[in-house]
């Protein structure tokens, strides 16, 4: 979840990002609410045989996604934006 979009990571990369956020929160370098919100909106999705994924309703609402989206690459993740 980033700036009005959704972030999509591999499971290994997600674990690394969440571990880093937790470490910063526990060290007082970031608010614990940032980590909690990140984890609250986390959802594991699995592509179907055609490579499509269903985005959970709470995430569609959070990112204000309509019927058409744009998927872009950003380094270690993909981002899903409303068109």
C-alpha atoms as a PDB file:
ATOM      1  CA  UNK A   1       0.000   0.000   0.000  1.00  0.00           C
ATOM      2  CA  UNK A   2       1.763   3.069  -1.166  1.00  0.00           C
ATOM      3  CA  UNK A   3       0.517   6.522  -2.079  1.00  0.00           C
ATOM      4  CA  UNK A   4      -2.916   5.449  -3.332  1.00  0.00           C
ATOM      5  CA  UNK A   5      -1.749   2.218  -4.877  1.00  0.00           C
ATOM      6  CA  UNK A   6      -1.179  -1.352  -3.781  1.00  0.00           C
ATOM      7  CA  UNK A   7       2.273  -2.913  -3.581  1.00  0.00           C
ATOM      8  CA  UNK A   8       2.758  -6.462  -4.803  1.00  0.00           C
ATOM      9  CA  UNK A   9       5.825  -8.376  -3.583  1.00  0.00           C
ATOM     10  CA  UNK A  10       7.013 -11.956  -3.739  1.00  0.00           C
ATOM     11  CA  UNK A  11       6.496 -13.694  -0.398  1.00  0.00           C
ATOM     12  CA  UNK A  12      10.228 -13.638   0.369  1.00  0.00           C
ATOM     13  CA  UNK A  13      10.502  -9.933  -0.424  1.00  0.00           C
ATOM     14  CA  UNK A  14       7.336  -9.157   1.582  1.00  0.00           C
ATOM     15  CA  UNK A  15       8.854 -10.932   4.585  1.00  0.00           C
ATOM     16  CA  UNK A  16      12.036  -8.856   4.247  1.00  0.00           C
ATOM     17  CA  UNK A  17      10.080  -5.592   4.015  1.00  0.00           C
ATOM     18  CA  UNK A  18       7.842  -6.450   6.979  1.00  0.00           C
ATOM     19  CA  UNK A  19      10.880  -7.506   9.063  1.00  0.00           C
ATOM     20  CA  UNK A  20      12.590  -4.205   8.274  1.00  0.00           C
ATOM     21  CA  UNK A  21       9.462  -2.206   9.209  1.00  0.00           C
ATOM     22  CA  UNK A  22       9.091  -4.094  12.480  1.00  0.00           C
ATOM     23  CA  UNK A  23      12.754  -3.551  13.368  1.00  0.00           C
ATOM     24  CA  UNK A  24      12.399   0.199  12.745  1.00  0.00           C
ATOM     25  CA  UNK A  25       9.224   0.355  14.832  1.00  0.00           C
ATOM     26  CA  UNK A  26      10.775  -1.574  17.705  1.00  0.00           C
ATOM     27  CA  UNK A  27      13.839   0.694  17.608  1.00  0.00           C
ATOM     28  CA  UNK A  28      11.627   3.791  17.767  1.00  0.00           C
ATOM     29  CA  UNK A  29      12.685   4.901  14.272  1.00  0.00           C
ATOM     30  CA  UNK A  30       9.147   4.574  12.880  1.00  0.00           C
ATOM     31  CA  UNK A  31       5.689   4.524  14.462  1.00  0.00           C
ATOM     32  CA  UNK A  32       4.391   1.044  15.326  1.00  0.00           C
ATOM     33  CA  UNK A  33       1.115   2.023  13.622  1.00  0.00           C
ATOM     34  CA  UNK A  34       2.961   2.026  10.286  1.00  0.00           C
ATOM     35  CA  UNK A  35       3.919  -1.606  10.769  1.00  0.00           C
ATOM     36  CA  UNK A  36       0.436  -2.514  12.038  1.00  0.00           C
ATOM     37  CA  UNK A  37      -1.260  -0.896   9.056  1.00  0.00           C
ATOM     38  CA  UNK A  38       1.130  -2.593   6.642  1.00  0.00           C
ATOM     39  CA  UNK A  39       0.313  -5.969   8.173  1.00  0.00           C
ATOM     40  CA  UNK A  40      -3.419  -5.239   8.513  1.00  0.00           C
ATOM     41  CA  UNK A  41      -3.740  -4.755   4.768  1.00  0.00           C
ATOM     42  CA  UNK A  42      -1.468  -7.655   3.808  1.00  0.00           C
ATOM     43  CA  UNK A  43      -3.097 -10.420   1.776  1.00  0.00           C
ATOM     44  CA  UNK A  44      -1.600 -13.401   0.031  1.00  0.00           C
ATOM     45  CA  UNK A  45      -2.962 -13.896  -3.475  1.00  0.00           C
ATOM     46  CA  UNK A  46      -2.401 -16.734  -5.911  1.00  0.00           C
ATOM     47  CA  UNK A  47      -2.735 -16.331  -9.680  1.00  0.00           C
ATOM     48  CA  UNK A  48      -5.242 -18.533 -11.480  1.00  0.00           C
ATOM     49  CA  UNK A  49      -4.252 -20.615 -14.533  1.00  0.00           C
ATOM     50  CA  UNK A  50      -4.485 -17.499 -16.718  1.00  0.00           C
ATOM     51  CA  UNK A  51      -2.248 -15.461 -14.401  1.00  0.00           C
ATOM     52  CA  UNK A  52      -5.060 -13.337 -12.913  1.00  0.00           C
ATOM     53  CA  UNK A  53      -5.451 -12.538  -9.228  1.00  0.00           C
ATOM     54  CA  UNK A  54      -8.497 -11.442  -7.273  1.00  0.00           C
ATOM     55  CA  UNK A  55      -7.732  -8.360  -5.208  1.00  0.00           C
ATOM     56  CA  UNK A  56      -9.564  -8.508  -1.860  1.00  0.00           C
ATOM     57  CA  UNK A  57     -12.375  -5.967  -1.459  1.00  0.00           C
ATOM     58  CA  UNK A  58     -10.724  -4.141   1.473  1.00  0.00           C
ATOM     59  CA  UNK A  59      -7.647  -3.537  -0.705  1.00  0.00           C
ATOM     60  CA  UNK A  60      -9.712  -2.389  -3.699  1.00  0.00           C
ATOM     61  CA  UNK A  61     -11.452   0.098  -1.429  1.00  0.00           C
ATOM     62  CA  UNK A  62      -8.194   1.252   0.203  1.00  0.00           C
ATOM     63  CA  UNK A  63      -6.608   2.044  -3.173  1.00  0.00           C
ATOM     64  CA  UNK A  64      -9.890   3.260  -4.727  1.00  0.00           C
ATOM     65  CA  UNK A  65      -9.515   0.779  -7.583  1.00  0.00           C
ATOM     66  CA  UNK A  66     -12.184   0.814 -10.258  1.00  0.00           C
ATOM     67  CA  UNK A  67     -12.860  -1.714 -12.984  1.00  0.00           C
ATOM     68  CA  UNK A  68      -9.608  -0.901 -14.807  1.00  0.00           C
ATOM     69  CA  UNK A  69      -6.165  -0.819 -13.210  1.00  0.00           C
ATOM     70  CA  UNK A  70      -2.610  -0.121 -14.272  1.00  0.00           C
ATOM     71  CA  UNK A  71       0.229  -2.349 -13.078  1.00  0.00           C
ATOM     72  CA  UNK A  72       3.685  -0.804 -13.042  1.00  0.00           C
ATOM     73  CA  UNK A  73       7.077  -2.049 -11.921  1.00  0.00           C
ATOM     74  CA  UNK A  74       9.040  -0.312  -9.197  1.00  0.00           C
ATOM     75  CA  UNK A  75      12.277  -2.010  -8.284  1.00  0.00           C
ATOM     76  CA  UNK A  76      11.459  -4.797  -5.861  1.00  0.00           C
ATOM     77  CA  UNK A  77       7.687  -4.770  -6.359  1.00  0.00           C
ATOM     78  CA  UNK A  78       4.827  -4.150  -8.733  1.00  0.00           C
ATOM     79  CA  UNK A  79       2.335  -1.385  -8.008  1.00  0.00           C
ATOM     80  CA  UNK A  80      -1.373  -1.543  -8.819  1.00  0.00           C
ATOM     81  CA  UNK A  81      -3.060   1.807  -9.541  1.00  0.00           C
ATOM     82  CA  UNK A  82      -6.554   2.836 -10.545  1.00  0.00           C
ATOM     83  CA  UNK A  83      -6.509   3.722 -14.221  1.00  0.00           C
END
